[in-house]
Amino acid sequence: MAITSSIATTSFSSCVGGEDYGMFMKKVQPLMNVKIGKAVRSRTMMGNINDGKGLFAPIVVITRNIVGKKRFNQLRGKAIALHSQVITEFCKSIGADQKQRQGLIRLAKKNGEKLGFLA
């Protein structure tokens, strides 16, 4: 027991005293030469996580290729606006408040993504 504590004390004191500094620097020096590059920031992608998936995705992709991306996005925007109006009118007829209406619109978007309408 006394031998163990004296060995621990000796190695600790020699390390603190600087006797092992040369050996320590030989081990640490290669680590100090490591170059750290500029942090890379990942781009946030605004896209559908189910892109290309869903029941209607193939039809949507074919239609987009035929009509053209610009015209397709115009048609999609009109369809989404029309659907939001239908949801709003439905909420007015049943007396739902603004928060419930927004929840229904979000639910419609999630369902559209899952079915492939937003592919």
Protein backbone atom coordinates (compact mmCIF):
# COMPACT_ATOMS: atom_id res chain seq x y z
CA MET A 1 0.00 0.00 0.00
CA ALA A 2 2.81 2.39 0.83
CA ILE A 3 4.60 1.52 -2.41
CA THR A 4 1.56 2.33 -4.51
CA SER A 5 1.04 5.71 -2.88
CA SER A 6 4.72 6.60 -3.23
CA ILE A 7 4.67 5.65 -6.93
CA ALA A 8 1.57 7.72 -7.49
CA THR A 9 3.09 10.62 -5.59
CA THR A 10 6.39 10.31 -7.44
CA SER A 11 4.80 10.22 -10.90
CA PHE A 12 2.45 13.07 -10.02
CA SER A 13 5.19 15.20 -8.53
CA SER A 14 7.56 14.51 -11.42
CA CYS A 15 4.86 15.44 -13.91
CA VAL A 16 4.05 18.62 -12.04
CA GLY A 17 7.73 19.36 -11.48
CA GLY A 18 8.40 19.27 -15.20
CA GLU A 19 10.58 16.19 -15.43
CA ASP A 20 8.24 14.57 -17.97
CA TYR A 21 7.59 17.79 -19.89
CA GLY A 22 9.73 16.75 -22.87
CA MET A 23 7.95 13.41 -23.21
CA PHE A 24 4.60 15.14 -22.76
CA MET A 25 5.37 17.62 -25.55
CA LYS A 26 6.46 14.83 -27.91
CA LYS A 27 3.03 13.25 -27.49
CA VAL A 28 1.08 16.50 -27.68
CA GLN A 29 3.01 18.26 -30.47
CA PRO A 30 1.39 16.31 -33.35
CA LEU A 31 -2.00 17.24 -31.97
CA MET A 32 -1.11 20.91 -31.88
CA ASN A 33 -0.34 20.97 -35.63
CA VAL A 34 -3.87 19.98 -36.60
CA LYS A 35 -5.47 22.69 -38.71
CA ILE A 36 -9.04 23.55 -37.99
CA GLY A 37 -10.96 24.59 -41.07
CA LYS A 38 -13.75 27.08 -41.36
CA ALA A 39 -17.04 25.90 -39.92
CA VAL A 40 -19.37 24.64 -42.61
CA ARG A 41 -22.98 25.65 -42.23
CA SER A 42 -25.49 23.29 -43.74
CA ARG A 43 -28.09 24.83 -45.96
CA THR A 44 -31.67 24.76 -44.84
CA MET A 45 -33.72 23.14 -47.52
CA MET A 46 -37.30 24.17 -47.91
CA GLY A 47 -38.68 21.10 -49.50
CA ASN A 48 -40.96 18.21 -49.05
CA ILE A 49 -39.54 15.44 -46.89
CA ASN A 50 -41.71 13.00 -48.84
CA ASP A 51 -40.45 14.24 -52.20
CA GLY A 52 -41.24 11.61 -54.82
CA LYS A 53 -43.26 9.52 -52.37
CA GLY A 54 -46.97 9.21 -52.02
CA LEU A 55 -49.85 7.94 -54.09
CA PHE A 56 -50.15 11.01 -56.32
CA ALA A 57 -46.45 11.91 -56.59
CA PRO A 58 -45.89 10.32 -60.04
CA ILE A 59 -48.89 12.17 -61.51
CA VAL A 60 -47.70 15.45 -59.97
CA VAL A 61 -44.16 15.01 -61.33
CA ILE A 62 -45.38 14.13 -64.84
CA THR A 63 -47.75 17.09 -64.86
CA ARG A 64 -44.96 19.43 -63.70
CA ASN A 65 -42.70 18.16 -66.50
CA ILE A 66 -45.39 18.61 -69.15
CA VAL A 67 -46.74 21.99 -68.06
CA GLY A 68 -43.45 23.52 -66.96
CA LYS A 69 -42.29 24.44 -63.49
CA LYS A 70 -43.41 28.09 -63.52
CA ARG A 71 -46.95 27.39 -64.78
CA PHE A 72 -47.22 24.35 -62.52
CA ASN A 73 -46.34 26.41 -59.42
CA GLN A 74 -48.98 28.97 -60.44
CA LEU A 75 -51.62 26.27 -60.73
CA ARG A 76 -50.53 24.70 -57.45
CA GLY A 77 -50.74 28.08 -55.71
CA LYS A 78 -54.26 28.62 -57.01
CA ALA A 79 -55.32 25.15 -55.90
CA ILE A 80 -53.86 25.67 -52.42
CA ALA A 81 -55.57 29.07 -52.12
CA LEU A 82 -58.90 27.58 -53.22
CA HIS A 83 -58.55 24.75 -50.71
CA SER A 84 -57.75 27.23 -47.93
CA GLN A 85 -60.90 29.19 -48.84
CA VAL A 86 -62.98 26.03 -48.66
CA ILE A 87 -61.53 25.25 -45.23
CA THR A 88 -62.23 28.84 -44.09
CA GLU A 89 -65.85 28.67 -45.27
CA PHE A 90 -66.26 25.33 -43.55
CA CYS A 91 -64.89 26.76 -40.30
CA LYS A 92 -67.27 29.73 -40.55
CA SER A 93 -70.24 27.42 -41.07
CA ILE A 94 -69.48 25.30 -38.00
CA GLY A 95 -68.34 28.23 -35.85
CA ALA A 96 -64.68 27.20 -35.47
CA ASP A 97 -62.26 29.86 -34.27
CA GLN A 98 -59.07 31.09 -36.00
CA LYS A 99 -56.79 28.65 -34.18
CA GLN A 100 -58.86 25.64 -35.24
CA ARG A 101 -58.91 26.92 -38.84
CA GLN A 102 -55.13 27.24 -38.88
CA GLY A 103 -54.85 23.73 -37.45
CA LEU A 104 -57.05 22.37 -40.26
CA ILE A 105 -54.97 24.15 -42.91
CA ARG A 106 -51.75 22.71 -41.41
CA LEU A 107 -53.34 19.27 -41.34
CA ALA A 108 -54.32 19.63 -45.01
CA LYS A 109 -50.71 20.52 -45.87
CA LYS A 110 -49.35 17.50 -43.99
CA ASN A 111 -51.84 15.21 -45.69
CA GLY A 112 -50.96 16.71 -49.08
CA GLU A 113 -47.28 16.00 -48.43
CA LYS A 114 -47.98 12.41 -47.42
CA LEU A 115 -50.18 11.80 -50.47
CA GLY A 116 -47.61 13.29 -52.83
CA PHE A 117 -49.47 16.43 -53.91
CA LEU A 118 -46.46 18.55 -52.96
CA ALA A 119 -43.90 16.39 -54.75
